[in-house]
PDB file of all heavy atoms in Angstrom:
ATOM      1  N   THR A   1      74.116  91.753 106.589  1.00  0.00           N
ATOM      2  CA  THR A   1      75.003  92.295 105.563  1.00  0.00           C
ATOM      3  C   THR A   1      76.401  92.600 106.097  1.00  0.00           C
ATOM      4  O   THR A   1      77.404  92.225 105.484  1.00  0.00           O
ATOM      5  CB  THR A   1      74.399  93.564 104.949  1.00  0.00           C
ATOM      6  OG1 THR A   1      74.087  94.509 105.983  1.00  0.00           O
ATOM      7  CG2 THR A   1      73.133  93.243 104.176  1.00  0.00           C
ATOM      8  N   TRP A   2      76.481  93.281 107.234  1.00  0.00           N
ATOM      9  CA  TRP A   2      77.803  93.658 107.742  1.00  0.00           C
ATOM     10  C   TRP A   2      78.570  92.417 108.193  1.00  0.00           C
ATOM     11  O   TRP A   2      79.762  92.274 107.919  1.00  0.00           O
ATOM     12  CB  TRP A   2      77.677  94.664 108.887  1.00  0.00           C
ATOM     13  CG  TRP A   2      78.903  95.521 109.082  1.00  0.00           C
ATOM     14  CD1 TRP A   2      80.198  95.093 109.183  1.00  0.00           C
ATOM     15  CD2 TRP A   2      78.949  96.950 109.177  1.00  0.00           C
ATOM     16  NE1 TRP A   2      81.044  96.157 109.354  1.00  0.00           N
ATOM     17  CE2 TRP A   2      80.306  97.315 109.346  1.00  0.00           C
ATOM     18  CE3 TRP A   2      77.989  97.935 109.161  1.00  0.00           C
ATOM     19  CZ2 TRP A   2      80.720  98.641 109.489  1.00  0.00           C
ATOM     20  CZ3 TRP A   2      78.401  99.257 109.304  1.00  0.00           C
ATOM     21  CH2 TRP A   2      79.742  99.607 109.461  1.00  0.00           C
ATOM     22  N   SER A   3      77.911  91.504 108.890  1.00  0.00           N
ATOM     23  CA  SER A   3      78.590  90.269 109.302  1.00  0.00           C
ATOM     24  C   SER A   3      79.141  89.523 108.097  1.00  0.00           C
ATOM     25  O   SER A   3      80.269  89.018 108.112  1.00  0.00           O
ATOM     26  CB  SER A   3      77.616  89.352 110.057  1.00  0.00           C
ATOM     27  OG  SER A   3      77.278  89.877 111.318  1.00  0.00           O
ATOM     28  N   THR A   4      78.333  89.451 107.030  1.00  0.00           N
ATOM     29  CA  THR A   4      78.739  88.677 105.874  1.00  0.00           C
ATOM     30  C   THR A   4      79.900  89.327 105.131  1.00  0.00           C
ATOM     31  O   THR A   4      80.821  88.638 104.674  1.00  0.00           O
ATOM     32  CB  THR A   4      77.551  88.487 104.913  1.00  0.00           C
ATOM     33  OG1 THR A   4      76.420  88.024 105.663  1.00  0.00           O
ATOM     34  CG2 THR A   4      77.870  87.465 103.856  1.00  0.00           C
ATOM     35  N   THR A   5      79.907  90.662 105.013  1.00  0.00           N
ATOM     36  CA  THR A   5      81.028  91.305 104.336  1.00  0.00           C
ATOM     37  C   THR A   5      82.317  91.137 105.141  1.00  0.00           C
ATOM     38  O   THR A   5      83.401  90.994 104.559  1.00  0.00           O
ATOM     39  CB  THR A   5      80.753  92.798 104.078  1.00  0.00           C
ATOM     40  OG1 THR A   5      80.471  93.470 105.307  1.00  0.00           O
ATOM     41  CG2 THR A   5      79.583  92.976 103.128  1.00  0.00           C
ATOM     42  N   VAL A   6      82.220  91.158 106.470  1.00  0.00           N
ATOM     43  CA  VAL A   6      83.391  90.878 107.305  1.00  0.00           C
ATOM     44  C   VAL A   6      83.912  89.466 107.030  1.00  0.00           C
ATOM     45  O   VAL A   6      85.111  89.247 106.786  1.00  0.00           O
ATOM     46  CB  VAL A   6      83.034  91.037 108.802  1.00  0.00           C
ATOM     47  CG1 VAL A   6      84.118  90.416 109.686  1.00  0.00           C
ATOM     48  CG2 VAL A   6      82.855  92.505 109.156  1.00  0.00           C
ATOM     49  N   ILE A   7      83.027  88.494 107.095  1.00  0.00           N
ATOM     50  CA  ILE A   7      83.417  87.098 106.907  1.00  0.00           C
ATOM     51  C   ILE A   7      84.015  86.884 105.525  1.00  0.00           C
ATOM     52  O   ILE A   7      85.039  86.188 105.366  1.00  0.00           O
ATOM     53  CB  ILE A   7      82.200  86.175 107.128  1.00  0.00           C
ATOM     54  CG1 ILE A   7      81.756  86.219 108.595  1.00  0.00           C
ATOM     55  CG2 ILE A   7      82.512  84.733 106.713  1.00  0.00           C
ATOM     56  CD1 ILE A   7      80.363  85.675 108.835  1.00  0.00           C
ATOM     57  N   MET A   8      83.416  87.486 104.504  1.00  0.00           N
ATOM     58  CA  MET A   8      83.893  87.287 103.138  1.00  0.00           C
ATOM     59  C   MET A   8      85.290  87.869 102.933  1.00  0.00           C
ATOM     60  O   MET A   8      86.126  87.283 102.235  1.00  0.00           O
ATOM     61  CB  MET A   8      82.897  87.900 102.140  1.00  0.00           C
ATOM     62  CG  MET A   8      81.547  87.198 102.133  1.00  0.00           C
ATOM     63  SD  MET A   8      80.313  87.984 101.068  1.00  0.00           S
ATOM     64  CE  MET A   8      80.599  87.108  99.538  1.00  0.00           C
ATOM     65  N   LYS A   9      85.566  89.002 103.543  1.00  0.00           N
ATOM     66  CA  LYS A   9      86.910  89.581 103.412  1.00  0.00           C
ATOM     67  C   LYS A   9      87.946  88.740 104.146  1.00  0.00           C
ATOM     68  O   LYS A   9      89.068  88.549 103.653  1.00  0.00           O
ATOM     69  CB  LYS A   9      86.910  91.017 103.932  1.00  0.00           C
ATOM     70  CG  LYS A   9      86.140  91.988 103.049  1.00  0.00           C
ATOM     71  CD  LYS A   9      86.266  93.398 103.578  1.00  0.00           C
ATOM     72  CE  LYS A   9      85.450  94.371 102.752  1.00  0.00           C
ATOM     73  NZ  LYS A   9      83.997  94.183 102.914  1.00  0.00           N
ATOM     74  N   ILE A  10      87.592  88.240 105.336  1.00  0.00           N
ATOM     75  CA  ILE A  10      88.509  87.344 106.044  1.00  0.00           C
ATOM     76  C   ILE A  10      88.771  86.085 105.208  1.00  0.00           C
ATOM     77  O   ILE A  10      89.898  85.593 105.136  1.00  0.00           O
ATOM     78  CB  ILE A  10      87.939  86.981 107.428  1.00  0.00           C
ATOM     79  CG1 ILE A  10      87.921  88.211 108.350  1.00  0.00           C
ATOM     80  CG2 ILE A  10      88.752  85.868 108.075  1.00  0.00           C
ATOM     81  CD1 ILE A  10      87.275  87.956 109.702  1.00  0.00           C
ATOM     82  N   ASP A  11      87.722  85.560 104.566  1.00  0.00           N
ATOM     83  CA  ASP A  11      87.888  84.402 103.684  1.00  0.00           C
ATOM     84  C   ASP A  11      88.917  84.672 102.604  1.00  0.00           C
ATOM     85  O   ASP A  11      89.799  83.841 102.333  1.00  0.00           O
ATOM     86  CB  ASP A  11      86.557  84.065 103.001  1.00  0.00           C
ATOM     87  CG  ASP A  11      85.512  83.494 103.939  1.00  0.00           C
ATOM     88  OD1 ASP A  11      85.869  83.046 105.039  1.00  0.00           O
ATOM     89  OD2 ASP A  11      84.322  83.489 103.547  1.00  0.00           O
ATOM     90  N   LEU A  12      88.799  85.830 101.951  1.00  0.00           N
ATOM     91  CA  LEU A  12      89.590  86.113 100.759  1.00  0.00           C
ATOM     92  C   LEU A  12      91.069  86.344 101.061  1.00  0.00           C
ATOM     93  O   LEU A  12      91.932  85.876 100.317  1.00  0.00           O
ATOM     94  CB  LEU A  12      89.034  87.338 100.025  1.00  0.00           C
ATOM     95  CG  LEU A  12      87.666  87.186  99.344  1.00  0.00           C
ATOM     96  CD1 LEU A  12      87.172  88.533  98.849  1.00  0.00           C
ATOM     97  CD2 LEU A  12      87.751  86.195  98.191  1.00  0.00           C
ATOM     98  N   VAL A  13      91.377  87.082 102.150  1.00  0.00           N
ATOM     99  CA  VAL A  13      92.757  87.552 102.314  1.00  0.00           C
ATOM    100  C   VAL A  13      93.658  86.553 103.008  1.00  0.00           C
ATOM    101  O   VAL A  13      94.889  86.645 102.889  1.00  0.00           O
ATOM    102  CB  VAL A  13      92.806  88.894 103.077  1.00  0.00           C
ATOM    103  CG1 VAL A  13      91.991  89.939 102.349  1.00  0.00           C
ATOM    104  CG2 VAL A  13      92.329  88.748 104.514  1.00  0.00           C
ATOM    105  N   GLY A  14      93.113  85.589 103.753  1.00  0.00           N
ATOM    106  CA  GLY A  14      93.969  84.679 104.496  1.00  0.00           C
ATOM    107  C   GLY A  14      94.563  85.340 105.725  1.00  0.00           C
ATOM    108  O   GLY A  14      94.236  86.479 106.071  1.00  0.00           O
ATOM    109  N   PRO A  15      95.476  84.665 106.413  1.00  0.00           N
ATOM    110  CA  PRO A  15      95.941  85.135 107.725  1.00  0.00           C
ATOM    111  C   PRO A  15      96.904  86.311 107.700  1.00  0.00           C
ATOM    112  O   PRO A  15      96.976  87.065 108.668  1.00  0.00           O
ATOM    113  CB  PRO A  15      96.617  83.891 108.312  1.00  0.00           C
ATOM    114  CG  PRO A  15      97.036  83.084 107.129  1.00  0.00           C
ATOM    115  CD  PRO A  15      95.977  83.315 106.086  1.00  0.00           C
ATOM    116  N   LYS A  16      97.646  86.542 106.624  1.00  0.00           N
ATOM    117  CA  LYS A  16      98.727  87.514 106.678  1.00  0.00           C
ATOM    118  C   LYS A  16      98.238  88.955 106.685  1.00  0.00           C
ATOM    119  O   LYS A  16      98.873  89.830 107.272  1.00  0.00           O
ATOM    120  CB  LYS A  16      99.679  87.307 105.493  1.00  0.00           C
ATOM    121  CG  LYS A  16     100.463  86.000 105.562  1.00  0.00           C
ATOM    122  CD  LYS A  16     101.433  85.872 104.408  1.00  0.00           C
ATOM    123  CE  LYS A  16     102.216  84.570 104.482  1.00  0.00           C
ATOM    124  NZ  LYS A  16     103.157  84.408 103.350  1.00  0.00           N
ATOM    125  N   ARG A  17      97.136  89.245 106.035  1.00  0.00           N
ATOM    126  CA  ARG A  17      96.659  90.631 105.914  1.00  0.00           C
ATOM    127  C   ARG A  17      95.296  90.817 106.568  1.00  0.00           C
ATOM    128  O   ARG A  17      94.518  91.670 106.165  1.00  0.00           O
ATOM    129  CB  ARG A  17      96.567  91.008 104.421  1.00  0.00           C
ATOM    130  CG  ARG A  17      97.862  90.849 103.641  1.00  0.00           C
ATOM    131  CD  ARG A  17      98.928  91.851 104.064  1.00  0.00           C
ATOM    132  NE  ARG A  17      98.512  93.210 103.812  1.00  0.00           N
ATOM    133  CZ  ARG A  17      98.608  93.810 102.622  1.00  0.00           C
ATOM    134  NH1 ARG A  17      99.089  93.154 101.584  1.00  0.00           N
ATOM    135  NH2 ARG A  17      98.236  95.066 102.471  1.00  0.00           N
ATOM    136  N   ARG A  18      95.033  90.034 107.602  1.00  0.00           N
ATOM    137  CA  ARG A  18      93.708  90.050 108.227  1.00  0.00           C
ATOM    138  C   ARG A  18      93.389  91.415 108.842  1.00  0.00           C
ATOM    139  O   ARG A  18      92.290  91.941 108.704  1.00  0.00           O
ATOM    140  CB  ARG A  18      93.629  88.938 109.263  1.00  0.00           C
ATOM    141  CG  ARG A  18      92.250  88.654 109.788  1.00  0.00           C
ATOM    142  CD  ARG A  18      92.262  87.359 110.581  1.00  0.00           C
ATOM    143  NE  ARG A  18      92.312  86.200 109.695  1.00  0.00           N
ATOM    144  CZ  ARG A  18      93.042  85.113 109.913  1.00  0.00           C
ATOM    145  NH1 ARG A  18      93.815  85.042 110.980  1.00  0.00           N
ATOM    146  NH2 ARG A  18      93.004  84.121 109.055  1.00  0.00           N
ATOM    147  N   GLY A  19      94.340  91.992 109.556  1.00  0.00           N
ATOM    148  CA  GLY A  19      94.111  93.298 110.167  1.00  0.00           C
ATOM    149  C   GLY A  19      93.883  94.381 109.127  1.00  0.00           C
ATOM    150  O   GLY A  19      93.016  95.246 109.276  1.00  0.00           O
ATOM    151  N   THR A  20      94.667  94.337 108.046  1.00  0.00           N
ATOM    152  CA  THR A  20      94.491  95.294 106.962  1.00  0.00           C
ATOM    153  C   THR A  20      93.100  95.168 106.354  1.00  0.00           C
ATOM    154  O   THR A  20      92.419  96.167 106.081  1.00  0.00           O
ATOM    155  CB  THR A  20      95.551  95.069 105.882  1.00  0.00           C
ATOM    156  OG1 THR A  20      96.855  95.213 106.463  1.00  0.00           O
ATOM    157  CG2 THR A  20      95.397  96.058 104.742  1.00  0.00           C
ATOM    158  N   ALA A  21      92.676  93.933 106.130  1.00  0.00           N
ATOM    159  CA  ALA A  21      91.355  93.704 105.548  1.00  0.00           C
ATOM    160  C   ALA A  21      90.250  94.258 106.431  1.00  0.00           C
ATOM    161  O   ALA A  21      89.306  94.898 105.950  1.00  0.00           O
ATOM    162  CB  ALA A  21      91.145  92.205 105.314  1.00  0.00           C
ATOM    163  N   MET A  22      90.352  94.024 107.740  1.00  0.00           N
ATOM    164  CA  MET A  22      89.324  94.522 108.643  1.00  0.00           C
ATOM    165  C   MET A  22      89.368  96.044 108.746  1.00  0.00           C
ATOM    166  O   MET A  22      88.331  96.700 108.885  1.00  0.00           O
ATOM    167  CB  MET A  22      89.489  93.888 110.026  1.00  0.00           C
ATOM    168  CG  MET A  22      89.168  92.392 110.051  1.00  0.00           C
ATOM    169  SD  MET A  22      87.483  92.016 109.490  1.00  0.00           S
ATOM    170  CE  MET A  22      87.719  91.723 107.715  1.00  0.00           C
ATOM    171  N   GLY A  23      90.563  96.615 108.663  1.00  0.00           N
ATOM    172  CA  GLY A  23      90.659  98.068 108.667  1.00  0.00           C
ATOM    173  C   GLY A  23      89.964  98.688 107.475  1.00  0.00           C
ATOM    174  O   GLY A  23      89.232  99.666 107.596  1.00  0.00           O
ATOM    175  N   LEU A  24      90.173  98.089 106.299  1.00  0.00           N
ATOM    176  CA  LEU A  24      89.528  98.598 105.092  1.00  0.00           C
ATOM    177  C   LEU A  24      88.015  98.411 105.148  1.00  0.00           C
ATOM    178  O   LEU A  24      87.248  99.286 104.730  1.00  0.00           O
ATOM    179  CB  LEU A  24      90.105  97.889 103.864  1.00  0.00           C
ATOM    180  CG  LEU A  24      91.538  98.288 103.500  1.00  0.00           C
ATOM    181  CD1 LEU A  24      92.112  97.319 102.474  1.00  0.00           C
ATOM    182  CD2 LEU A  24      91.591  99.714 102.967  1.00  0.00           C
ATOM    183  N   ASN A  25      87.576  97.261 105.664  1.00  0.00           N
ATOM    184  CA  ASN A  25      86.146  96.995 105.773  1.00  0.00           C
ATOM    185  C   ASN A  25      85.463  98.010 106.689  1.00  0.00           C
ATOM    186  O   ASN A  25      84.457  98.633 106.330  1.00  0.00           O
ATOM    187  CB  ASN A  25      85.918  95.585 106.311  1.00  0.00           C
ATOM    188  CG  ASN A  25      84.454  95.195 106.347  1.00  0.00           C
ATOM    189  OD1 ASN A  25      83.873  94.806 105.347  1.00  0.00           O
ATOM    190  ND2 ASN A  25      83.831  95.288 107.525  1.00  0.00           N
ATOM    191  N   GLU A  26      86.018  98.202 107.883  1.00  0.00           N
ATOM    192  CA  GLU A  26      85.391  99.097 108.845  1.00  0.00           C
ATOM    193  C   GLU A  26      85.564 100.559 108.439  1.00  0.00           C
ATOM    194  O   GLU A  26      84.704 101.398 108.723  1.00  0.00           O
ATOM    195  CB  GLU A  26      85.966  98.842 110.237  1.00  0.00           C
ATOM    196  CG  GLU A  26      85.811  97.395 110.710  1.00  0.00           C
ATOM    197  CD  GLU A  26      84.363  96.926 110.718  1.00  0.00           C
ATOM    198  OE1 GLU A  26      83.589  97.425 111.541  1.00  0.00           O
ATOM    199  OE2 GLU A  26      84.007  96.080 109.871  1.00  0.00           O
ATOM    200  N   PHE A  27      86.678 100.873 107.759  1.00  0.00           N
ATOM    201  CA  PHE A  27      86.865 102.221 107.211  1.00  0.00           C
ATOM    202  C   PHE A  27      85.717 102.576 106.275  1.00  0.00           C
ATOM    203  O   PHE A  27      85.105 103.640 106.389  1.00  0.00           O
ATOM    204  CB  PHE A  27      88.199 102.299 106.468  1.00  0.00           C
ATOM    205  CG  PHE A  27      88.223 103.290 105.343  1.00  0.00           C
ATOM    206  CD1 PHE A  27      88.321 104.649 105.593  1.00  0.00           C
ATOM    207  CD2 PHE A  27      88.142 102.858 104.025  1.00  0.00           C
ATOM    208  CE1 PHE A  27      88.332 105.568 104.541  1.00  0.00           C
ATOM    209  CE2 PHE A  27      88.156 103.762 102.973  1.00  0.00           C
ATOM    210  CZ  PHE A  27      88.253 105.123 103.234  1.00  0.00           C
ATOM    211  N   ALA A  28      85.428 101.679 105.356  1.00  0.00           N
ATOM    212  CA  ALA A  28      84.375 101.956 104.378  1.00  0.00           C
ATOM    213  C   ALA A  28      83.026 102.126 105.060  1.00  0.00           C
ATOM    214  O   ALA A  28      82.273 103.070 104.765  1.00  0.00           O
ATOM    215  CB  ALA A  28      84.308 100.825 103.354  1.00  0.00           C
ATOM    216  N   GLY A  29      82.706 101.213 105.992  1.00  0.00           N
ATOM    217  CA  GLY A  29      81.413 101.274 106.650  1.00  0.00           C
ATOM    218  C   GLY A  29      81.228 102.535 107.461  1.00  0.00           C
ATOM    219  O   GLY A  29      80.191 103.216 107.353  1.00  0.00           O
ATOM    220  N   TYR A  30      82.226 102.897 108.262  1.00  0.00           N
ATOM    221  CA  TYR A  30      82.036 104.023 109.174  1.00  0.00           C
ATOM    222  C   TYR A  30      82.311 105.367 108.519  1.00  0.00           C
ATOM    223  O   TYR A  30      81.784 106.390 108.971  1.00  0.00           O
ATOM    224  CB  TYR A  30      82.857 103.803 110.447  1.00  0.00           C
ATOM    225  CG  TYR A  30      82.153 102.796 111.318  1.00  0.00           C
ATOM    226  CD1 TYR A  30      82.498 101.447 111.277  1.00  0.00           C
ATOM    227  CD2 TYR A  30      81.073 103.169 112.094  1.00  0.00           C
ATOM    228  CE1 TYR A  30      81.808 100.511 112.028  1.00  0.00           C
ATOM    229  CE2 TYR A  30      80.379 102.242 112.854  1.00  0.00           C
ATOM    230  CZ  TYR A  30      80.751 100.909 112.812  1.00  0.00           C
ATOM    231  OH  TYR A  30      80.050  99.992 113.549  1.00  0.00           O
ATOM    232  N   LEU A  31      83.106 105.388 107.452  1.00  0.00           N
ATOM    233  CA  LEU A  31      83.196 106.635 106.694  1.00  0.00           C
ATOM    234  C   LEU A  31      81.851 106.935 106.043  1.00  0.00           C
ATOM    235  O   LEU A  31      81.414 108.093 105.998  1.00  0.00           O
ATOM    236  CB  LEU A  31      84.289 106.533 105.630  1.00  0.00           C
ATOM    237  CG  LEU A  31      84.562 107.835 104.863  1.00  0.00           C
ATOM    238  CD1 LEU A  31      85.082 108.915 105.807  1.00  0.00           C
ATOM    239  CD2 LEU A  31      85.553 107.599 103.728  1.00  0.00           C
ATOM    240  N   ALA A  32      81.175 105.896 105.570  1.00  0.00           N
ATOM    241  CA  ALA A  32      79.836 106.082 105.002  1.00  0.00           C
ATOM    242  C   ALA A  32      78.842 106.526 106.067  1.00  0.00           C
ATOM    243  O   ALA A  32      77.948 107.352 105.796  1.00  0.00           O
ATOM    244  CB  ALA A  32      79.360 104.795 104.337  1.00  0.00           C
ATOM    245  N   VAL A  33      78.952 105.985 107.285  1.00  0.00           N
ATOM    246  CA  VAL A  33      78.125 106.458 108.399  1.00  0.00           C
ATOM    247  C   VAL A  33      78.325 107.963 108.594  1.00  0.00           C
ATOM    248  O   VAL A  33      77.359 108.734 108.711  1.00  0.00           O
ATOM    249  CB  VAL A  33      78.465 105.705 109.700  1.00  0.00           C
ATOM    250  CG1 VAL A  33      77.767 106.358 110.900  1.00  0.00           C
ATOM    251  CG2 VAL A  33      78.064 104.242 109.606  1.00  0.00           C
ATOM    252  N   ALA A  34      79.601 108.388 108.598  1.00  0.00           N
ATOM    253  CA  ALA A  34      79.910 109.791 108.851  1.00  0.00           C
ATOM    254  C   ALA A  34      79.405 110.700 107.749  1.00  0.00           C
ATOM    255  O   ALA A  34      78.770 111.729 108.006  1.00  0.00           O
ATOM    256  CB  ALA A  34      81.434 109.947 108.999  1.00  0.00           C
ATOM    257  N   ILE A  35      79.687 110.332 106.501  1.00  0.00           N
ATOM    258  CA  ILE A  35      79.277 111.175 105.384  1.00  0.00           C
ATOM    259  C   ILE A  35      77.759 111.290 105.330  1.00  0.00           C
ATOM    260  O   ILE A  35      77.196 112.376 105.143  1.00  0.00           O
ATOM    261  CB  ILE A  35      79.835 110.617 104.067  1.00  0.00           C
ATOM    262  CG1 ILE A  35      81.363 110.767 104.039  1.00  0.00           C
ATOM    263  CG2 ILE A  35      79.210 111.338 102.866  1.00  0.00           C
ATOM    264  CD1 ILE A  35      82.027 110.079 102.862  1.00  0.00           C
ATOM    265  N   THR A  36      77.072 110.162 105.529  1.00  0.00           N
ATOM    266  CA  THR A  36      75.611 110.189 105.473  1.00  0.00           C
ATOM    267  C   THR A  36      75.028 110.978 106.640  1.00  0.00           C
ATOM    268  O   THR A  36      74.050 111.711 106.476  1.00  0.00           O
ATOM    269  CB  THR A  36      75.054 108.755 105.467  1.00  0.00           C
ATOM    270  OG1 THR A  36      75.694 108.003 104.427  1.00  0.00           O
ATOM    271  CG2 THR A  36      73.553 108.752 105.221  1.00  0.00           C
ATOM    272  N   ALA A  37      75.615 110.845 107.839  1.00  0.00           N
ATOM    273  CA  ALA A  37      75.151 111.643 108.979  1.00  0.00           C
ATOM    274  C   ALA A  37      75.315 113.134 108.709  1.00  0.00           C
ATOM    275  O   ALA A  37      74.433 113.949 109.034  1.00  0.00           O
ATOM    276  CB  ALA A  37      75.912 111.247 110.239  1.00  0.00           C
TER     277      ALA A  37
END
């Protein structure tokens, strides 16, 4: 699941906003880790 959501976001945004896309992806995942913990 996590690999696929990473790949899908990279697919969608193209090269110009790749870092932003990965920041948003990992933000969502690890904020959820924190809140659930």
